[in-house]
Protein backbone atom coordinates (compact mmCIF):
# COMPACT_ATOMS: atom_id res chain seq x y z
CA UNK A 1 110.99 107.43 121.17
CA UNK A 2 110.44 110.81 119.56
CA UNK A 3 113.02 113.57 119.81
CA UNK A 4 112.03 117.21 120.32
CA UNK A 5 114.23 120.15 119.26
CA UNK A 6 113.01 123.75 119.56
CA UNK A 7 109.48 122.46 119.99
CA UNK A 8 109.58 120.39 116.80
CA UNK A 9 109.00 116.69 117.25
CA UNK A 10 111.10 114.33 115.16
CA UNK A 11 108.88 111.26 114.88
CA UNK A 12 110.23 108.11 116.46
CA UNK A 13 109.02 105.93 113.59
CA UNK A 14 110.91 103.22 111.75
CA UNK A 15 110.71 105.28 108.56
CA UNK A 16 112.37 108.28 110.23
CA UNK A 17 115.03 106.12 111.91
CA UNK A 18 115.92 104.45 108.62
CA UNK A 19 115.99 107.78 106.77
CA UNK A 20 118.39 109.13 109.39
CA UNK A 21 120.65 106.10 109.16
CA UNK A 22 120.70 106.23 105.35
CA UNK A 23 121.66 109.89 105.17
CA UNK A 24 124.05 109.63 108.10
CA UNK A 25 125.97 106.88 106.30
CA UNK A 26 126.01 108.63 102.90
CA UNK A 27 126.66 112.26 103.86
CA UNK A 28 129.45 113.95 105.79
CA UNK A 29 128.93 116.00 108.92
CA UNK A 30 128.24 119.25 107.09
CA UNK A 31 125.46 117.87 104.88
CA UNK A 32 123.94 115.74 107.63
CA UNK A 33 123.62 118.58 110.14
CA UNK A 34 122.48 120.96 107.40
CA UNK A 35 119.77 118.53 106.33
CA UNK A 36 118.46 118.10 109.86
CA UNK A 37 118.41 121.86 110.31
CA UNK A 38 116.48 122.22 107.06
CA UNK A 39 113.77 119.97 108.48
CA UNK A 40 113.69 121.90 111.75
CA UNK A 41 113.73 125.40 110.21
CA UNK A 42 111.13 124.40 107.63
CA UNK A 43 108.89 122.90 110.28
CA UNK A 44 109.18 125.98 112.49
CA UNK A 45 108.29 128.28 109.60
CA UNK A 46 105.48 126.06 108.41
CA UNK A 47 104.00 126.14 111.91
CA UNK A 48 104.37 129.92 112.08
CA UNK A 49 102.56 130.24 108.74
CA UNK A 50 99.81 127.81 109.65
CA UNK A 51 100.82 125.19 107.09
CA UNK A 52 99.79 121.65 108.06
CA UNK A 53 102.73 119.39 107.20
CA UNK A 54 103.10 115.62 107.47
CA UNK A 55 106.20 115.35 109.72
CA UNK A 56 107.49 112.13 108.16
CA UNK A 57 107.32 113.59 104.65
CA UNK A 58 108.91 116.84 105.81
CA UNK A 59 111.69 114.85 107.45
CA UNK A 60 112.47 112.77 104.38
CA UNK A 61 112.35 115.89 102.21
CA UNK A 62 114.76 117.71 104.48
CA UNK A 63 117.11 114.77 104.99
CA UNK A 64 117.27 113.71 101.34
CA UNK A 65 117.34 117.14 99.68
CA UNK A 66 121.14 117.23 99.20
CA UNK A 67 121.67 113.48 98.93
CA UNK A 68 122.45 113.92 95.24
CA UNK A 69 125.67 115.70 96.21
CA UNK A 70 127.05 112.54 97.84
CA UNK A 71 129.16 109.96 96.04
CA UNK A 72 126.71 107.20 96.87
CA UNK A 73 123.78 108.88 95.13
CA UNK A 74 125.26 111.24 92.53
CA UNK A 75 124.79 110.46 88.86
CA UNK A 76 126.95 111.70 86.02
CA UNK A 77 124.44 113.46 83.83
CA UNK A 78 121.53 114.97 85.76
CA UNK A 79 120.99 117.71 88.31
CA UNK A 80 121.87 116.75 91.87
CA UNK A 81 118.36 117.78 92.95
CA UNK A 82 116.92 115.01 90.77
CA UNK A 83 119.24 112.42 92.28
CA UNK A 84 118.00 113.21 95.77
CA UNK A 85 114.39 113.40 94.59
CA UNK A 86 114.55 109.96 93.00
CA UNK A 87 116.16 108.44 96.09
CA UNK A 88 113.47 109.93 98.34
CA UNK A 89 110.63 108.76 96.11
CA UNK A 90 111.97 105.20 96.04
CA UNK A 91 112.54 105.24 99.80
CA UNK A 92 108.99 106.37 100.56
CA UNK A 93 107.35 103.91 98.17
CA UNK A 94 109.45 101.10 99.64
CA UNK A 95 108.15 102.12 103.07
CA UNK A 96 104.52 101.93 102.00
CA UNK A 97 103.76 105.60 101.52
CA UNK A 98 101.34 106.31 98.65
CA UNK A 99 102.43 107.66 95.28
CA UNK A 100 101.00 111.13 95.99
CA UNK A 101 103.16 111.47 99.11
CA UNK A 102 106.24 110.27 97.27
CA UNK A 103 105.51 112.64 94.40
CA UNK A 104 105.20 115.64 96.70
CA UNK A 105 108.53 114.88 98.33
CA UNK A 106 110.04 114.36 94.88
CA UNK A 107 108.83 117.83 93.93
CA UNK A 108 110.08 119.31 97.20
CA UNK A 109 113.61 118.12 96.53
CA UNK A 110 113.65 118.61 92.76
CA UNK A 111 112.50 122.23 93.13
CA UNK A 112 114.36 123.28 96.27
CA UNK A 113 116.79 125.48 94.30
CA UNK A 114 113.96 127.03 92.26
CA UNK A 115 112.71 130.17 94.03
CA UNK A 116 109.03 130.93 94.65
CA UNK A 117 107.36 127.98 92.91
CA UNK A 118 107.63 125.45 95.81
CA UNK A 119 105.94 127.91 98.17
CA UNK A 120 102.80 127.79 96.01
CA UNK A 121 102.55 124.01 96.05
CA UNK A 122 101.60 121.48 98.76
CA UNK A 123 102.92 122.15 102.30
CA UNK A 124 105.20 119.09 102.01
CA UNK A 125 106.81 120.77 98.99
CA UNK A 126 107.04 124.23 100.55
CA UNK A 127 108.52 123.07 103.85
CA UNK A 128 111.82 121.97 102.28
CA UNK A 129 112.36 125.27 100.48
CA UNK A 130 111.49 127.17 103.66
CA UNK A 131 114.17 125.24 105.50
CA UNK A 132 116.79 125.56 102.76
CA UNK A 133 116.26 129.30 102.36
CA UNK A 134 116.65 129.72 106.11
CA UNK A 135 119.80 127.65 106.57
CA UNK A 136 121.67 128.66 103.42
CA UNK A 137 120.40 132.17 102.70
CA UNK A 138 119.20 133.35 106.11
CA UNK A 139 115.83 134.45 104.73
CA UNK A 140 113.05 135.50 107.11
CA UNK A 141 114.98 134.65 110.26
CA UNK A 142 112.60 136.85 112.24
CA UNK A 143 110.00 134.08 111.97
CA UNK A 144 112.20 131.97 114.24
CA UNK A 145 112.96 133.17 117.77
CA UNK A 146 116.49 133.54 119.05
CA UNK A 147 115.81 130.79 121.57
CA UNK A 148 114.66 128.43 118.82
CA UNK A 149 117.70 129.26 116.71
CA UNK A 150 120.03 128.61 119.63
CA UNK A 151 118.43 125.25 120.39
CA UNK A 152 118.59 124.05 116.79
CA UNK A 153 122.20 125.13 116.33
CA UNK A 154 123.17 123.55 119.65
CA UNK A 155 121.79 120.24 118.40
CA UNK A 156 123.18 120.64 114.88
CA UNK A 157 126.14 123.05 114.83
CA UNK A 158 127.18 125.23 111.87
CA UNK A 159 131.01 125.54 112.13
CA UNK A 160 132.33 127.51 109.13
CA UNK A 161 129.08 126.54 107.44
CA UNK A 162 129.05 129.11 104.64
CA UNK A 163 132.39 127.95 103.29
CA UNK A 164 131.74 124.27 103.92
CA UNK A 165 128.38 124.18 102.17
CA UNK A 166 129.81 126.00 99.16
CA UNK A 167 132.56 123.39 98.93
CA UNK A 168 130.00 120.61 99.26
CA UNK A 169 128.04 122.11 96.38
CA UNK A 170 131.19 122.43 94.28
CA UNK A 171 132.37 118.88 95.04
CA UNK A 172 128.96 117.48 94.16
CA UNK A 173 128.63 119.27 90.81
CA UNK A 174 132.16 119.76 89.47
CA UNK A 175 132.05 116.52 87.46
CA UNK A 176 128.72 117.43 85.78
CA UNK A 177 128.95 121.17 85.07
CA UNK A 178 126.42 121.09 82.23
CA UNK A 179 123.68 120.15 84.69
CA UNK A 180 123.94 123.58 86.33
CA UNK A 181 122.62 125.42 83.27
CA UNK A 182 119.50 127.41 84.05
CA UNK A 183 120.02 127.22 87.80
CA UNK A 184 121.80 129.22 90.48
CA UNK A 185 124.24 126.34 90.82
CA UNK A 186 126.45 127.67 88.04
CA UNK A 187 127.30 130.55 90.39
CA UNK A 188 129.04 128.05 92.65
CA UNK A 189 131.16 126.53 89.89
CA UNK A 190 132.10 129.99 88.58
CA UNK A 191 133.13 131.05 92.11
CA UNK A 192 135.58 128.16 92.48
CA UNK A 193 136.77 127.97 88.86
CA UNK A 194 137.44 131.27 87.07
CA UNK A 195 137.74 129.34 83.78
CA UNK A 196 134.27 127.83 84.07
CA UNK A 197 132.21 128.89 81.03
CA UNK A 198 128.51 129.31 81.61
CA UNK A 199 126.10 128.59 78.80
CA UNK A 200 124.35 131.72 77.57
CA UNK A 201 120.58 131.41 77.19
CA UNK A 202 120.43 134.29 74.72
CA UNK A 203 123.13 132.78 72.54
CA UNK A 204 121.36 129.41 72.59
CA UNK A 205 118.20 131.08 71.27
CA UNK A 206 120.09 133.08 68.64
CA UNK A 207 122.06 130.06 67.53
CA UNK A 208 119.16 127.62 67.34
CA UNK A 209 118.33 125.63 64.23
CA UNK A 210 115.41 127.92 63.38
CA UNK A 211 116.13 130.26 60.45
CA UNK A 212 114.11 133.18 61.83
C-alpha cells in the first residue's frame, strides 16, 4: 500500500520497500530521516516547478544519496557521493530498471554536492539536489507551504539536525580526507579539525610538472 506525506505518494512497490529496508539497515536515524525528507522536499519542489519525475527513481536517489557515508557502503579512496551512486545504480539494475534510469540516478547522487549542474539535467537528477538543498541549506523554502513542512517534519523529525548532519558528514569522510578536494566537503573537515590542511588548487597548478 502506498504512503502519502504532504501530498506526495511514496509508491508501495517492491523496489521502494526494498530500498527503504536497505537504507534503514545501513544508516542511522539522522541519515535515514534526512534521506526520506530529501525525497519529499525534492518531489514537492519538482511538482511546484512542473518537472515530471519518476517517483521510484526519485525515491532511490533520495534514499541512497548519503549511503556512501555509512560504514556498510563507504570505500577508502573515493568520494562518498560515488559510493552511494554506485550502490544505487547496482540496486536499480538488479531490480530490472534500464541502464538510462540507473545512469540518471547515478548522476543525481554523484552530483548532489555540485551546485547548479544537476538542475540543468534530467528531472530525476534535479530532484535529489532540490531535496538536499532544501533539507541541508534551507534554500527556496517558500516553494513549500508551512503545512507541507509541518507534515513532512512530523513524519521525519529533525532533532538537532544541523549539528547531527555535520557530524555524519565528518564521520563519513574523516578517514579519506583527500577525496574532499575540489568540493565543499573540505569545509566540514576543516570545521571539526583545525589542523586539517586543504589542498590549494593554485599551488597545484603552479607546482605542476610543466615548465611554463
